[in-house]
């Protein structure tokens, strides 16, 4: 398959490298020193599943350089969704599928508006990976799962071909029963984790083991589920319990990427996560006090560390 990775960070870099190592034609979109290193020395992935180096790697800061893609893995930060969607337009042909692996839920509407609904698929990535140094992606632990599907859950030729490509690359790619449910389940989980991490400035293990903070996490999950149900989203009745069970299985040192960005003084995805829940609460008439509090606490930091 011809695949473009729009955003060669931890997620896009890991999965793109695995697909390239399996023989697929992969173009990596990156920028700055990361792009320079990939061009010079290739893209390196360090992983318990085996290290891999893609060298030479097809890399550019312009997706148009790679031509029309079969599949685009859309792996940018949520706040860059619209800009990045405009950039990939020249690489989107009549049958191209764009699979976003982003935090949040609002990006689906943005991508469908910019690219057309027929091009946008659903995607959920379960992995812990980050850029360790320019040109180097570090994969933590064993988990490396992609859940992908057409929005109507049909078995289209492009989604079947992409799942086959993932299987060839050694990527776990279970077939989701309902991709919209998967997207919302991930949204519930990440908003709960991000909210607890950012308010406490502590990793998951401390958050879930402290009774008061665990109660906060349950409230955060419950608010997202209430919003989802008001919107008619297909979440199970025990979704809050399922979310907490997932969070209980994750490593103690787990941090949402937004906390790492907060610690670095970087721009935050606060509007796409807890801020989005707060806005949807207003639109649906569902009270979301915990998410309003999280967003209020993060708002001064949303565009980077506040000036002294």
Protein backbone atom coordinates (compact mmCIF):
# COMPACT_ATOMS: atom_id res chain seq x y z
CA UNK A 1 0.00 0.00 0.00
CA UNK A 2 0.98 3.62 -0.44
CA UNK A 3 0.74 5.23 2.99
CA UNK A 4 1.47 8.75 4.21
CA UNK A 5 2.12 9.44 7.88
CA UNK A 6 0.92 12.99 8.55
CA UNK A 7 2.79 13.74 11.77
CA UNK A 8 5.75 11.48 12.48
CA UNK A 9 5.63 11.59 16.27
CA UNK A 10 5.48 8.64 18.63
CA UNK A 11 2.28 7.13 17.19
CA UNK A 12 2.83 7.90 13.51
CA UNK A 13 6.54 7.17 13.67
CA UNK A 14 6.10 3.77 15.29
CA UNK A 15 3.31 2.43 13.12
CA UNK A 16 4.67 4.02 9.94
CA UNK A 17 8.08 2.45 10.52
CA UNK A 18 6.56 -0.99 11.09
CA UNK A 19 4.57 -0.70 7.86
CA UNK A 20 7.63 0.50 5.93
CA UNK A 21 9.73 -2.37 7.32
CA UNK A 22 7.06 -4.78 6.02
CA UNK A 23 7.61 -3.46 2.50
CA UNK A 24 4.91 -0.84 2.14
CA UNK A 25 5.52 2.51 0.46
CA UNK A 26 5.45 4.95 3.39
CA UNK A 27 6.07 8.69 3.27
CA UNK A 28 6.79 10.43 6.57
CA UNK A 29 5.72 14.04 7.11
CA UNK A 30 7.80 15.73 9.80
CA UNK A 31 9.47 19.06 10.47
CA UNK A 32 12.47 20.75 12.04
CA UNK A 33 15.36 18.78 13.48
CA UNK A 34 13.28 15.59 13.50
CA UNK A 35 12.86 15.82 9.72
CA UNK A 36 16.53 16.63 9.21
CA UNK A 37 17.58 13.59 11.24
CA UNK A 38 15.20 11.27 9.39
CA UNK A 39 16.54 12.46 6.04
CA UNK A 40 20.15 12.08 7.15
CA UNK A 41 20.11 8.89 9.21
CA UNK A 42 16.68 7.34 8.72
CA UNK A 43 13.82 6.83 11.17
CA UNK A 44 14.78 4.64 14.12
CA UNK A 45 12.28 2.84 16.36
CA UNK A 46 13.42 1.35 19.67
CA UNK A 47 10.98 -1.26 20.94
CA UNK A 48 10.60 -4.44 22.98
CA UNK A 49 9.17 -5.94 19.77
CA UNK A 50 12.51 -5.36 18.07
CA UNK A 51 14.30 -2.23 16.92
CA UNK A 52 13.93 -1.09 13.33
CA UNK A 53 15.59 1.58 11.20
CA UNK A 54 14.03 2.83 7.98
CA UNK A 55 16.96 4.17 5.98
CA UNK A 56 16.68 5.74 3.57
CA UNK A 57 13.26 7.00 4.61
CA UNK A 58 10.93 9.00 2.37
CA UNK A 59 10.48 12.17 4.41
CA UNK A 60 9.27 15.71 3.77
CA UNK A 61 7.46 18.60 5.43
CA UNK A 62 4.98 18.62 2.54
CA UNK A 63 2.62 15.64 2.03
CA UNK A 64 2.09 16.69 -1.60
CA UNK A 65 5.63 15.47 -2.31
CA UNK A 66 4.43 11.86 -1.96
CA UNK A 67 1.56 11.92 -4.44
CA UNK A 68 -1.85 10.32 -3.93
CA UNK A 69 -2.04 7.91 -0.99
CA UNK A 70 -4.13 4.83 -0.41
CA UNK A 71 -4.20 5.54 3.33
CA UNK A 72 -3.13 8.60 5.33
CA UNK A 73 -2.36 8.07 9.01
CA UNK A 74 -3.32 11.45 10.47
CA UNK A 75 -1.29 11.81 13.67
CA UNK A 76 -0.98 15.51 14.44
CA UNK A 77 -1.92 17.36 17.62
CA UNK A 78 -5.63 18.12 17.89
CA UNK A 79 -5.08 21.88 17.69
CA UNK A 80 -3.38 21.43 14.28
CA UNK A 81 -6.26 19.43 12.77
CA UNK A 82 -7.60 22.02 10.33
CA UNK A 83 -4.21 23.26 9.14
CA UNK A 84 -2.93 19.71 8.62
CA UNK A 85 -6.14 18.66 6.86
CA UNK A 86 -5.66 21.45 4.32
CA UNK A 87 -2.04 20.36 3.78
CA UNK A 88 -2.96 16.77 2.92
CA UNK A 89 -5.59 17.68 0.34
CA UNK A 90 -3.18 17.18 -2.63
CA UNK A 91 -2.49 13.62 -1.39
CA UNK A 92 -6.18 12.69 -1.16
CA UNK A 93 -7.49 10.88 -4.23
CA UNK A 94 -11.00 9.53 -4.90
CA UNK A 95 -10.43 6.34 -2.85
CA UNK A 96 -7.99 7.65 -0.22
CA UNK A 97 -8.86 6.84 3.38
CA UNK A 98 -7.73 9.22 6.12
CA UNK A 99 -7.45 7.58 9.54
CA UNK A 100 -7.03 10.06 12.41
CA UNK A 101 -5.29 8.94 15.59
CA UNK A 102 -5.87 12.05 17.68
CA UNK A 103 -6.86 12.91 21.20
CA UNK A 104 -10.42 14.18 21.46
CA UNK A 105 -13.50 13.71 19.32
CA UNK A 106 -14.15 17.05 17.56
CA UNK A 107 -11.49 16.37 14.90
CA UNK A 108 -13.89 13.98 13.14
CA UNK A 109 -16.26 16.83 12.23
CA UNK A 110 -13.36 19.06 11.15
CA UNK A 111 -11.85 16.41 8.88
CA UNK A 112 -15.20 15.54 7.32
CA UNK A 113 -15.83 19.21 6.60
CA UNK A 114 -12.40 19.85 5.06
CA UNK A 115 -11.90 16.56 3.19
CA UNK A 116 -15.42 15.24 2.70
CA UNK A 117 -17.05 12.53 4.82
CA UNK A 118 -16.25 9.74 2.35
CA UNK A 119 -12.53 10.04 3.05
CA UNK A 120 -12.58 9.97 6.86
CA UNK A 121 -12.32 6.67 8.71
CA UNK A 122 -12.32 5.99 12.44
CA UNK A 123 -9.12 5.13 14.27
CA UNK A 124 -7.98 4.44 17.83
CA UNK A 125 -4.31 3.80 18.66
CA UNK A 126 -3.36 2.03 21.87
CA UNK A 127 0.35 2.58 22.36
CA UNK A 128 2.84 4.45 24.51
CA UNK A 129 5.53 5.96 22.29
CA UNK A 130 7.32 9.28 21.91
CA UNK A 131 10.13 11.03 20.09
CA UNK A 132 13.20 10.33 22.24
CA UNK A 133 15.57 12.35 20.06
CA UNK A 134 15.45 13.74 16.51
CA UNK A 135 14.91 10.79 14.21
CA UNK A 136 14.35 8.35 17.11
CA UNK A 137 11.02 6.99 18.40
CA UNK A 138 10.90 5.06 21.67
CA UNK A 139 8.12 2.50 22.17
CA UNK A 140 7.32 1.64 25.79
CA UNK A 141 5.97 -1.75 26.95
CA UNK A 142 4.33 -4.30 24.65
CA UNK A 143 1.05 -2.68 23.63
CA UNK A 144 0.79 -1.66 19.95
CA UNK A 145 -2.80 -1.90 18.75
CA UNK A 146 -4.71 -0.12 16.00
CA UNK A 147 -8.49 -0.24 15.86
CA UNK A 148 -9.66 1.10 12.51
CA UNK A 149 -12.90 1.05 10.59
CA UNK A 150 -15.20 2.78 8.16
CA UNK A 151 -17.64 5.09 9.94
CA UNK A 152 -20.53 2.82 8.88
CA UNK A 153 -18.53 -0.27 10.01
CA UNK A 154 -18.58 -1.71 6.48
CA UNK A 155 -15.81 -4.05 5.29
CA UNK A 156 -14.60 -1.80 2.47
CA UNK A 157 -11.68 -2.86 0.22
CA UNK A 158 -9.47 -0.07 1.60
CA UNK A 159 -10.01 -0.94 5.25
CA UNK A 160 -9.53 -4.66 4.59
CA UNK A 161 -6.31 -3.91 2.69
CA UNK A 162 -5.01 -1.69 5.49
CA UNK A 163 -5.79 -4.27 8.18
CA UNK A 164 -3.95 -6.87 6.12
CA UNK A 165 -0.97 -4.51 5.80
CA UNK A 166 -0.93 -4.02 9.58
CA UNK A 167 -1.06 -7.76 10.19
CA UNK A 168 1.87 -8.24 7.80
CA UNK A 169 3.79 -5.63 9.80
CA UNK A 170 3.16 -7.41 13.10
CA UNK A 171 0.73 -4.75 14.33
CA UNK A 172 -2.26 -5.94 16.33
CA UNK A 173 -5.37 -4.86 14.44
CA UNK A 174 -8.56 -6.31 15.96
CA UNK A 175 -11.77 -5.67 14.03
CA UNK A 176 -13.98 -3.28 16.00
CA UNK A 177 -17.66 -4.11 16.24
CA UNK A 178 -18.55 -0.41 16.24
CA UNK A 179 -15.84 2.16 15.52
CA UNK A 180 -17.88 5.08 16.89
CA UNK A 181 -18.15 3.26 20.21
CA UNK A 182 -14.38 2.74 20.20
CA UNK A 183 -13.79 6.45 19.56
CA UNK A 184 -16.01 7.49 22.45
CA UNK A 185 -14.59 4.87 24.80
CA UNK A 186 -11.11 6.25 24.10
CA UNK A 187 -12.45 9.78 24.64
CA UNK A 188 -13.87 8.84 28.05
CA UNK A 189 -10.59 7.23 29.07
CA UNK A 190 -8.22 9.97 27.89
CA UNK A 191 -10.31 12.80 29.38
CA UNK A 192 -10.38 10.97 32.72
CA UNK A 193 -6.65 10.29 32.69
CA UNK A 194 -5.76 13.80 31.48
CA UNK A 195 -7.98 15.49 34.03
CA UNK A 196 -6.57 13.58 36.98
CA UNK A 197 -2.95 13.82 35.77
CA UNK A 198 -3.09 17.55 35.12
CA UNK A 199 -4.89 18.58 38.30
CA UNK A 200 -2.55 16.57 40.52
CA UNK A 201 0.61 16.77 38.35
CA UNK A 202 1.04 13.09 39.24
CA UNK A 203 1.16 9.85 37.18
CA UNK A 204 -1.73 7.42 36.98
CA UNK A 205 -0.64 5.10 39.81
CA UNK A 206 -0.84 7.83 42.42
CA UNK A 207 -4.10 9.18 41.02
CA UNK A 208 -5.95 5.87 41.04
CA UNK A 209 -4.68 4.73 44.46
CA UNK A 210 -5.61 7.89 46.37
CA UNK A 211 -9.30 7.61 47.39
CA UNK A 212 -10.12 11.27 46.81
CA UNK A 213 -8.42 11.40 43.42
CA UNK A 214 -9.95 8.09 42.38
CA UNK A 215 -13.38 9.51 43.19
CA UNK A 216 -12.48 12.49 40.97
CA UNK A 217 -11.63 10.10 38.14
CA UNK A 218 -14.99 8.37 38.48
CA UNK A 219 -16.73 11.76 38.31
CA UNK A 220 -14.73 12.76 35.23
CA UNK A 221 -15.64 9.52 33.45
CA UNK A 222 -19.28 9.80 34.48
CA UNK A 223 -19.60 13.29 33.03
CA UNK A 224 -18.26 12.24 29.62
CA UNK A 225 -20.55 9.21 29.56
CA UNK A 226 -23.57 11.39 30.43
CA UNK A 227 -22.75 13.73 27.55
CA UNK A 228 -22.27 10.80 25.16
CA UNK A 229 -25.59 9.23 26.11
CA UNK A 230 -27.42 12.52 25.65
CA UNK A 231 -25.90 12.69 22.16
CA UNK A 232 -27.08 9.13 21.46
CA UNK A 233 -23.62 7.58 21.30
CA UNK A 234 -23.47 3.77 21.61
CA UNK A 235 -21.71 3.31 24.96
CA UNK A 236 -22.53 0.32 27.20
CA UNK A 237 -24.39 0.82 30.49
CA UNK A 238 -21.29 -0.02 32.52
CA UNK A 239 -18.93 2.29 30.62
CA UNK A 240 -17.67 4.09 33.74
CA UNK A 241 -16.69 0.77 35.33
CA UNK A 242 -15.06 -0.36 32.08
CA UNK A 243 -13.06 2.87 31.89
CA UNK A 244 -11.78 2.49 35.44
CA UNK A 245 -10.89 -1.15 34.77
CA UNK A 246 -8.78 -0.09 31.78
CA UNK A 247 -7.06 2.62 33.82
CA UNK A 248 -6.35 0.10 36.57
CA UNK A 249 -4.48 -2.10 34.07
CA UNK A 250 -2.20 0.63 32.71
CA UNK A 251 1.34 1.16 34.05
CA UNK A 252 1.65 3.12 37.31
CA UNK A 253 3.91 5.69 35.68
CA UNK A 254 1.47 6.42 32.85
CA UNK A 255 0.89 10.09 32.08
CA UNK A 256 -1.41 11.59 29.49
CA UNK A 257 0.59 13.37 26.81
CA UNK A 258 -1.04 16.64 27.84
CA UNK A 259 0.67 16.44 31.25
CA UNK A 260 4.05 15.95 29.58
CA UNK A 261 3.30 19.01 27.42
CA UNK A 262 2.27 20.98 30.50
CA UNK A 263 5.52 20.06 32.25
CA UNK A 264 7.54 21.23 29.23
CA UNK A 265 5.60 24.48 28.93
CA UNK A 266 4.28 23.49 25.48
CA UNK A 267 0.95 24.23 23.84
CA UNK A 268 -1.83 22.01 25.22
CA UNK A 269 -4.72 20.00 23.77
CA UNK A 270 -6.93 21.22 26.61
CA UNK A 271 -9.71 22.47 24.30
CA UNK A 272 -9.88 19.10 22.54
CA UNK A 273 -10.14 17.12 25.79
CA UNK A 274 -11.69 18.45 29.00
CA UNK A 275 -12.60 21.75 27.35
CA UNK A 276 -14.51 19.84 24.69
CA UNK A 277 -16.49 17.95 27.34
CA UNK A 278 -17.34 21.25 29.04
CA UNK A 279 -18.57 22.74 25.74
CA UNK A 280 -20.60 19.65 24.85
CA UNK A 281 -22.11 19.78 28.34
CA UNK A 282 -23.39 23.29 27.67
CA UNK A 283 -24.76 22.25 24.27
CA UNK A 284 -26.54 19.17 25.63
CA UNK A 285 -27.66 20.59 28.97
CA UNK A 286 -25.50 18.10 30.90
CA UNK A 287 -23.68 19.54 33.92
CA UNK A 288 -19.93 18.88 33.72
CA UNK A 289 -18.42 20.68 36.74
CA UNK A 290 -15.27 18.54 36.97
CA UNK A 291 -14.34 19.09 33.33
CA UNK A 292 -15.06 22.80 33.64
CA UNK A 293 -12.67 22.89 36.61
CA UNK A 294 -9.95 21.00 34.76
CA UNK A 295 -10.22 23.25 31.72
CA UNK A 296 -10.23 26.38 33.88
CA UNK A 297 -7.03 25.19 35.57
CA UNK A 298 -5.36 24.50 32.21
CA UNK A 299 -6.65 27.53 30.29
CA UNK A 300 -3.82 29.89 31.37
CA UNK A 301 -1.31 27.31 30.05
CA UNK A 302 -3.17 26.37 26.85
CA UNK A 303 -0.86 28.26 24.48
CA UNK A 304 2.32 27.47 26.38
CA UNK A 305 3.78 28.53 29.70
CA UNK A 306 2.27 31.88 30.80
CA UNK A 307 4.58 34.87 30.75
CA UNK A 308 5.99 35.78 34.17
